Amino acid sequence: MSESRIPKPVLRGLHNATIKKNLIVSSVLCTIAVVAMKVMHNDPKVRDYAEFYKTYDADKAFQRMKNAGLLQSVKN
């Protein structure tokens, strides 16, 4: 029976190597999260606001609120 020895673990610099790996992984995941948030949340919101204000008429909205009696400082 041949006797095989288990090699010693390399512990020198292990903490620094682990930190480097974790920083790289966290940077990649943060970048993916930021891009996903921009594409899935911010871009549609900006597009919806732009679409709303293309047809928004402030004077018409003011007259509608005035006629409904919502404005206390404006007489009907």
PDB file of N, CA and C in Angstrom:
ATOM      1  N   MET A   1       0.828  -1.164   0.000  1.00  0.00           N
ATOM      2  CA  MET A   1       0.000   0.000   0.000  1.00  0.00           C
ATOM      3  C   MET A   1       0.882   1.240   0.000  1.00  0.00           C
ATOM      4  N   SER A   2       0.655   2.120  -0.989  1.00  0.00           N
ATOM      5  CA  SER A   2       1.486   3.318  -1.053  1.00  0.00           C
ATOM      6  C   SER A   2       0.856   4.404  -0.186  1.00  0.00           C
ATOM      7  N   GLU A   3       1.714   5.070   0.425  1.00  0.00           N
ATOM      8  CA  GLU A   3       1.260   6.115   1.336  1.00  0.00           C
ATOM      9  C   GLU A   3       1.270   7.447   0.592  1.00  0.00           C
ATOM     10  N   SER A   4       0.083   8.073   0.434  1.00  0.00           N
ATOM     11  CA  SER A   4       0.035   9.371  -0.245  1.00  0.00           C
ATOM     12  C   SER A   4      -0.194  10.451   0.809  1.00  0.00           C
ATOM     13  N   ARG A   5       0.533  11.495   0.625  1.00  0.00           N
ATOM     14  CA  ARG A   5       0.428  12.587   1.581  1.00  0.00           C
ATOM     15  C   ARG A   5      -0.500  13.672   1.027  1.00  0.00           C
ATOM     16  N   ILE A   6      -1.234  14.245   1.905  1.00  0.00           N
ATOM     17  CA  ILE A   6      -2.107  15.353   1.530  1.00  0.00           C
ATOM     18  C   ILE A   6      -1.250  16.609   1.512  1.00  0.00           C
ATOM     19  N   PRO A   7      -1.310  17.387   0.423  1.00  0.00           N
ATOM     20  CA  PRO A   7      -0.487  18.599   0.391  1.00  0.00           C
ATOM     21  C   PRO A   7      -0.999  19.631   1.397  1.00  0.00           C
ATOM     22  N   LYS A   8      -0.065  20.416   1.884  1.00  0.00           N
ATOM     23  CA  LYS A   8      -0.426  21.468   2.835  1.00  0.00           C
ATOM     24  C   LYS A   8      -1.234  22.540   2.109  1.00  0.00           C
ATOM     25  N   PRO A   9      -2.219  23.105   2.769  1.00  0.00           N
ATOM     26  CA  PRO A   9      -2.983  24.177   2.133  1.00  0.00           C
ATOM     27  C   PRO A   9      -2.151  25.454   2.040  1.00  0.00           C
ATOM     28  N   VAL A  10      -2.383  26.184   0.983  1.00  0.00           N
ATOM     29  CA  VAL A  10      -1.682  27.459   0.805  1.00  0.00           C
ATOM     30  C   VAL A  10      -2.493  28.522   1.536  1.00  0.00           C
ATOM     31  N   LEU A  11      -1.976  28.966   2.645  1.00  0.00           N
ATOM     32  CA  LEU A  11      -2.699  29.942   3.457  1.00  0.00           C
ATOM     33  C   LEU A  11      -2.118  31.345   3.345  1.00  0.00           C
ATOM     34  N   ARG A  12      -0.895  31.436   2.829  1.00  0.00           N
ATOM     35  CA  ARG A  12      -0.253  32.741   2.723  1.00  0.00           C
ATOM     36  C   ARG A  12      -0.948  33.549   1.633  1.00  0.00           C
ATOM     37  N   GLY A  13      -1.503  34.704   1.996  1.00  0.00           N
ATOM     38  CA  GLY A  13      -2.186  35.567   1.038  1.00  0.00           C
ATOM     39  C   GLY A  13      -3.602  35.126   0.715  1.00  0.00           C
ATOM     40  N   LEU A  14      -4.116  34.148   1.431  1.00  0.00           N
ATOM     41  CA  LEU A  14      -5.456  33.640   1.149  1.00  0.00           C
ATOM     42  C   LEU A  14      -6.524  34.713   1.397  1.00  0.00           C
ATOM     43  N   HIS A  15      -6.361  35.463   2.467  1.00  0.00           N
ATOM     44  CA  HIS A  15      -7.339  36.514   2.799  1.00  0.00           C
ATOM     45  C   HIS A  15      -7.375  37.578   1.695  1.00  0.00           C
ATOM     46  N   ASN A  16      -6.209  38.021   1.247  1.00  0.00           N
ATOM     47  CA  ASN A  16      -6.162  39.038   0.180  1.00  0.00           C
ATOM     48  C   ASN A  16      -6.747  38.503  -1.117  1.00  0.00           C
ATOM     49  N   ALA A  17      -6.474  37.259  -1.441  1.00  0.00           N
ATOM     50  CA  ALA A  17      -7.010  36.672  -2.667  1.00  0.00           C
ATOM     51  C   ALA A  17      -8.532  36.567  -2.587  1.00  0.00           C
ATOM     52  N   THR A  18      -9.046  36.205  -1.430  1.00  0.00           N
ATOM     53  CA  THR A  18     -10.499  36.102  -1.246  1.00  0.00           C
ATOM     54  C   THR A  18     -11.160  37.472  -1.360  1.00  0.00           C
ATOM     55  N   ILE A  19     -10.526  38.471  -0.783  1.00  0.00           N
ATOM     56  CA  ILE A  19     -11.074  39.826  -0.852  1.00  0.00           C
ATOM     57  C   ILE A  19     -11.093  40.310  -2.299  1.00  0.00           C
ATOM     58  N   LYS A  20     -10.037  40.072  -3.046  1.00  0.00           N
ATOM     59  CA  LYS A  20      -9.998  40.476  -4.452  1.00  0.00           C
ATOM     60  C   LYS A  20     -11.118  39.811  -5.241  1.00  0.00           C
ATOM     61  N   LYS A  21     -11.296  38.526  -5.019  1.00  0.00           N
ATOM     62  CA  LYS A  21     -12.349  37.801  -5.729  1.00  0.00           C
ATOM     63  C   LYS A  21     -13.717  38.352  -5.361  1.00  0.00           C
ATOM     64  N   ASN A  22     -13.940  38.590  -4.078  1.00  0.00           N
ATOM     65  CA  ASN A  22     -15.236  39.117  -3.633  1.00  0.00           C
ATOM     66  C   ASN A  22     -15.495  40.520  -4.177  1.00  0.00           C
ATOM     67  N   LEU A  23     -14.457  41.353  -4.256  1.00  0.00           N
ATOM     68  CA  LEU A  23     -14.627  42.696  -4.811  1.00  0.00           C
ATOM     69  C   LEU A  23     -14.981  42.641  -6.290  1.00  0.00           C
ATOM     70  N   ILE A  24     -14.360  41.754  -7.016  1.00  0.00           N
ATOM     71  CA  ILE A  24     -14.664  41.625  -8.444  1.00  0.00           C
ATOM     72  C   ILE A  24     -16.098  41.141  -8.637  1.00  0.00           C
ATOM     73  N   VAL A  25     -16.484  40.129  -7.881  1.00  0.00           N
ATOM     74  CA  VAL A  25     -17.845  39.601  -8.000  1.00  0.00           C
ATOM     75  C   VAL A  25     -18.877  40.656  -7.615  1.00  0.00           C
ATOM     76  N   SER A  26     -18.628  41.368  -6.530  1.00  0.00           N
ATOM     77  CA  SER A  26     -19.587  42.389  -6.102  1.00  0.00           C
ATOM     78  C   SER A  26     -19.653  43.541  -7.097  1.00  0.00           C
ATOM     79  N   SER A  27     -18.530  43.911  -7.700  1.00  0.00           N
ATOM     80  CA  SER A  27     -18.545  44.970  -8.713  1.00  0.00           C
ATOM     81  C   SER A  27     -19.362  44.558  -9.927  1.00  0.00           C
ATOM     82  N   VAL A  28     -19.186  43.334 -10.365  1.00  0.00           N
ATOM     83  CA  VAL A  28     -19.944  42.850 -11.521  1.00  0.00           C
ATOM     84  C   VAL A  28     -21.432  42.800 -11.192  1.00  0.00           C
ATOM     85  N   LEU A  29     -21.792  42.287 -10.021  1.00  0.00           N
ATOM     86  CA  LEU A  29     -23.204  42.207  -9.648  1.00  0.00           C
ATOM     87  C   LEU A  29     -23.825  43.593  -9.489  1.00  0.00           C
ATOM     88  N   CYS A  30     -23.087  44.546  -8.941  1.00  0.00           N
ATOM     89  CA  CYS A  30     -23.603  45.912  -8.804  1.00  0.00           C
ATOM     90  C   CYS A  30     -23.822  46.547 -10.168  1.00  0.00           C
ATOM     91  N   THR A  31     -22.893  46.320 -11.091  1.00  0.00           N
ATOM     92  CA  THR A  31     -23.048  46.862 -12.432  1.00  0.00           C
ATOM     93  C   THR A  31     -24.272  46.274 -13.118  1.00  0.00           C
ATOM     94  N   ILE A  32     -24.467  44.978 -12.977  1.00  0.00           N
ATOM     95  CA  ILE A  32     -25.646  44.328 -13.568  1.00  0.00           C
ATOM     96  C   ILE A  32     -26.925  44.888 -12.951  1.00  0.00           C
ATOM     97  N   ALA A  33     -26.924  45.099 -11.637  1.00  0.00           N
ATOM     98  CA  ALA A  33     -28.113  45.630 -10.965  1.00  0.00           C
ATOM     99  C   ALA A  33     -28.424  47.053 -11.422  1.00  0.00           C
ATOM    100  N   VAL A  34     -27.399  47.876 -11.594  1.00  0.00           N
ATOM    101  CA  VAL A  34     -27.611  49.258 -12.025  1.00  0.00           C
ATOM    102  C   VAL A  34     -28.159  49.298 -13.445  1.00  0.00           C
ATOM    103  N   VAL A  35     -27.590  48.496 -14.321  1.00  0.00           N
ATOM    104  CA  VAL A  35     -28.064  48.469 -15.708  1.00  0.00           C
ATOM    105  C   VAL A  35     -29.503  47.946 -15.762  1.00  0.00           C
ATOM    106  N   ALA A  36     -29.796  46.906 -14.995  1.00  0.00           N
ATOM    107  CA  ALA A  36     -31.157  46.362 -14.980  1.00  0.00           C
ATOM    108  C   ALA A  36     -32.143  47.399 -14.447  1.00  0.00           C
ATOM    109  N   MET A  37     -31.787  48.131 -13.420  1.00  0.00           N
ATOM    110  CA  MET A  37     -32.671  49.156 -12.850  1.00  0.00           C
ATOM    111  C   MET A  37     -32.930  50.265 -13.863  1.00  0.00           C
ATOM    112  N   LYS A  38     -31.876  50.660 -14.565  1.00  0.00           N
ATOM    113  CA  LYS A  38     -32.038  51.720 -15.560  1.00  0.00           C
ATOM    114  C   LYS A  38     -32.945  51.263 -16.694  1.00  0.00           C
ATOM    115  N   VAL A  39     -32.699  50.070 -17.210  1.00  0.00           N
ATOM    116  CA  VAL A  39     -33.448  49.583 -18.366  1.00  0.00           C
ATOM    117  C   VAL A  39     -34.879  49.234 -17.997  1.00  0.00           C
ATOM    118  N   MET A  40     -35.077  48.606 -16.851  1.00  0.00           N
ATOM    119  CA  MET A  40     -36.408  48.102 -16.502  1.00  0.00           C
ATOM    120  C   MET A  40     -37.261  49.089 -15.728  1.00  0.00           C
ATOM    121  N   HIS A  41     -36.658  50.108 -15.107  1.00  0.00           N
ATOM    122  CA  HIS A  41     -37.447  51.032 -14.289  1.00  0.00           C
ATOM    123  C   HIS A  41     -37.365  52.472 -14.793  1.00  0.00           C
ATOM    124  N   ASN A  42     -36.154  52.999 -14.905  1.00  0.00           N
ATOM    125  CA  ASN A  42     -36.012  54.420 -15.219  1.00  0.00           C
ATOM    126  C   ASN A  42     -36.390  54.775 -16.653  1.00  0.00           C
ATOM    127  N   ASP A  43     -35.933  53.986 -17.624  1.00  0.00           N
ATOM    128  CA  ASP A  43     -36.252  54.299 -19.018  1.00  0.00           C
ATOM    129  C   ASP A  43     -37.754  54.278 -19.302  1.00  0.00           C
ATOM    130  N   PRO A  44     -38.510  53.265 -18.842  1.00  0.00           N
ATOM    131  CA  PRO A  44     -39.962  53.320 -19.068  1.00  0.00           C
ATOM    132  C   PRO A  44     -40.630  54.506 -18.365  1.00  0.00           C
ATOM    133  N   LYS A  45     -40.132  54.855 -17.188  1.00  0.00           N
ATOM    134  CA  LYS A  45     -40.720  55.976 -16.454  1.00  0.00           C
ATOM    135  C   LYS A  45     -40.493  57.289 -17.198  1.00  0.00           C
ATOM    136  N   VAL A  46     -39.285  57.490 -17.697  1.00  0.00           N
ATOM    137  CA  VAL A  46     -38.980  58.699 -18.457  1.00  0.00           C
ATOM    138  C   VAL A  46     -39.824  58.744 -19.732  1.00  0.00           C
ATOM    139  N   ARG A  47     -39.966  57.605 -20.390  1.00  0.00           N
ATOM    140  CA  ARG A  47     -40.767  57.535 -21.618  1.00  0.00           C
ATOM    141  C   ARG A  47     -42.235  57.858 -21.317  1.00  0.00           C
ATOM    142  N   ASP A  48     -42.758  57.339 -20.204  1.00  0.00           N
ATOM    143  CA  ASP A  48     -44.154  57.612 -19.839  1.00  0.00           C
ATOM    144  C   ASP A  48     -44.373  59.086 -19.508  1.00  0.00           C
ATOM    145  N   TYR A  49     -43.428  59.693 -18.769  1.00  0.00           N
ATOM    146  CA  TYR A  49     -43.550  61.124 -18.465  1.00  0.00           C
ATOM    147  C   TYR A  49     -43.510  61.960 -19.735  1.00  0.00           C
ATOM    148  N   ALA A  50     -42.590  61.625 -20.654  1.00  0.00           N
ATOM    149  CA  ALA A  50     -42.500  62.381 -21.904  1.00  0.00           C
ATOM    150  C   ALA A  50     -43.787  62.248 -22.711  1.00  0.00           C
ATOM    151  N   GLU A  51     -44.353  61.054 -22.746  1.00  0.00           N
ATOM    152  CA  GLU A  51     -45.597  60.831 -23.477  1.00  0.00           C
ATOM    153  C   GLU A  51     -46.753  61.609 -22.830  1.00  0.00           C
ATOM    154  N   PHE A  52     -46.782  61.644 -21.494  1.00  0.00           N
ATOM    155  CA  PHE A  52     -47.852  62.363 -20.796  1.00  0.00           C
ATOM    156  C   PHE A  52     -47.779  63.856 -21.086  1.00  0.00           C
ATOM    157  N   TYR A  53     -46.582  64.429 -21.021  1.00  0.00           N
ATOM    158  CA  TYR A  53     -46.464  65.875 -21.188  1.00  0.00           C
ATOM    159  C   TYR A  53     -46.551  66.326 -22.639  1.00  0.00           C
ATOM    160  N   LYS A  54     -46.521  65.400 -23.603  1.00  0.00           N
ATOM    161  CA  LYS A  54     -46.753  65.778 -24.998  1.00  0.00           C
ATOM    162  C   LYS A  54     -48.187  66.245 -25.192  1.00  0.00           C
ATOM    163  N   THR A  55     -49.120  65.628 -24.493  1.00  0.00           N
ATOM    164  CA  THR A  55     -50.534  65.958 -24.670  1.00  0.00           C
ATOM    165  C   THR A  55     -51.132  66.700 -23.482  1.00  0.00           C
ATOM    166  N   TYR A  56     -50.337  67.049 -22.486  1.00  0.00           N
ATOM    167  CA  TYR A  56     -50.852  67.696 -21.283  1.00  0.00           C
ATOM    168  C   TYR A  56     -51.106  69.170 -21.550  1.00  0.00           C
ATOM    169  N   ASP A  57     -52.271  69.634 -21.171  1.00  0.00           N
ATOM    170  CA  ASP A  57     -52.623  71.042 -21.296  1.00  0.00           C
ATOM    171  C   ASP A  57     -52.902  71.573 -19.897  1.00  0.00           C
ATOM    172  N   ALA A  58     -52.000  72.427 -19.401  1.00  0.00           N
ATOM    173  CA  ALA A  58     -52.106  72.927 -18.035  1.00  0.00           C
ATOM    174  C   ALA A  58     -53.339  73.809 -17.863  1.00  0.00           C
ATOM    175  N   ASP A  59     -53.662  74.606 -18.867  1.00  0.00           N
ATOM    176  CA  ASP A  59     -54.838  75.477 -18.753  1.00  0.00           C
ATOM    177  C   ASP A  59     -56.126  74.663 -18.679  1.00  0.00           C
ATOM    178  N   LYS A  60     -56.192  73.608 -19.451  1.00  0.00           N
ATOM    179  CA  LYS A  60     -57.375  72.748 -19.427  1.00  0.00           C
ATOM    180  C   LYS A  60     -57.515  72.057 -18.064  1.00  0.00           C
ATOM    181  N   ALA A  61     -56.393  71.605 -17.497  1.00  0.00           N
ATOM    182  CA  ALA A  61     -56.417  70.977 -16.177  1.00  0.00           C
ATOM    183  C   ALA A  61     -56.811  71.995 -15.103  1.00  0.00           C
ATOM    184  N   PHE A  62     -56.332  73.228 -15.238  1.00  0.00           N
ATOM    185  CA  PHE A  62     -56.695  74.283 -14.291  1.00  0.00           C
ATOM    186  C   PHE A  62     -58.190  74.565 -14.346  1.00  0.00           C
ATOM    187  N   GLN A  63     -58.731  74.671 -15.550  1.00  0.00           N
ATOM    188  CA  GLN A  63     -60.167  74.934 -15.681  1.00  0.00           C
ATOM    189  C   GLN A  63     -61.002  73.784 -15.121  1.00  0.00           C
ATOM    190  N   ARG A  64     -60.541  72.559 -15.323  1.00  0.00           N
ATOM    191  CA  ARG A  64     -61.269  71.397 -14.794  1.00  0.00           C
ATOM    192  C   ARG A  64     -61.276  71.424 -13.267  1.00  0.00           C
ATOM    193  N   MET A  65     -60.135  71.741 -12.635  1.00  0.00           N
ATOM    194  CA  MET A  65     -60.079  71.814 -11.165  1.00  0.00           C
ATOM    195  C   MET A  65     -60.894  73.001 -10.650  1.00  0.00           C
ATOM    196  N   LYS A  66     -60.853  74.106 -11.386  1.00  0.00           N
ATOM    197  CA  LYS A  66     -61.616  75.307 -10.988  1.00  0.00           C
ATOM    198  C   LYS A  66     -63.118  75.028 -11.037  1.00  0.00           C
ATOM    199  N   ASN A  67     -63.559  74.373 -12.103  1.00  0.00           N
ATOM    200  CA  ASN A  67     -64.989  74.061 -12.243  1.00  0.00           C
ATOM    201  C   ASN A  67     -65.449  73.025 -11.217  1.00  0.00           C
ATOM    202  N   ALA A  68     -64.555  72.168 -10.775  1.00  0.00           N
ATOM    203  CA  ALA A  68     -64.918  71.166  -9.777  1.00  0.00           C
ATOM    204  C   ALA A  68     -64.923  71.753  -8.368  1.00  0.00           C
ATOM    205  N   GLY A  69     -64.418  72.988  -8.198  1.00  0.00           N
ATOM    206  CA  GLY A  69     -64.413  73.638  -6.894  1.00  0.00           C
ATOM    207  C   GLY A  69     -63.275  73.187  -5.997  1.00  0.00           C
ATOM    208  N   LEU A  70     -62.199  72.693  -6.581  1.00  0.00           N
ATOM    209  CA  LEU A  70     -61.068  72.213  -5.772  1.00  0.00           C
ATOM    210  C   LEU A  70     -60.131  73.333  -5.346  1.00  0.00           C
ATOM    211  N   LEU A  71     -60.178  74.464  -6.012  1.00  0.00           N
ATOM    212  CA  LEU A  71     -59.265  75.568  -5.719  1.00  0.00           C
ATOM    213  C   LEU A  71     -59.985  76.605  -4.860  1.00  0.00           C
ATOM    214  N   GLN A  72     -59.505  76.795  -3.648  1.00  0.00           N
ATOM    215  CA  GLN A  72     -60.169  77.715  -2.731  1.00  0.00           C
ATOM    216  C   GLN A  72     -59.856  79.169  -3.047  1.00  0.00           C
ATOM    217  N   SER A  73     -58.695  79.444  -3.648  1.00  0.00           N
ATOM    218  CA  SER A  73     -58.306  80.818  -3.888  1.00  0.00           C
ATOM    219  C   SER A  73     -58.817  81.370  -5.216  1.00  0.00           C
ATOM    220  N   VAL A  74     -59.518  80.550  -6.001  1.00  0.00           N
ATOM    221  CA  VAL A  74     -60.041  80.989  -7.295  1.00  0.00           C
ATOM    222  C   VAL A  74     -61.561  80.912  -7.248  1.00  0.00           C
ATOM    223  N   LYS A  75     -62.189  81.991  -7.669  1.00  0.00           N
ATOM    224  CA  LYS A  75     -63.656  82.000  -7.681  1.00  0.00           C
ATOM    225  C   LYS A  75     -64.155  81.264  -8.918  1.00  0.00           C
ATOM    226  N   ASN A  76     -65.310  80.609  -8.799  1.00  0.00           N
ATOM    227  CA  ASN A  76     -65.894  79.874  -9.927  1.00  0.00           C
ATOM    228  C   ASN A  76     -66.392  80.801 -10.954  1.00  0.00           C
TER     229      ASN A  76
END
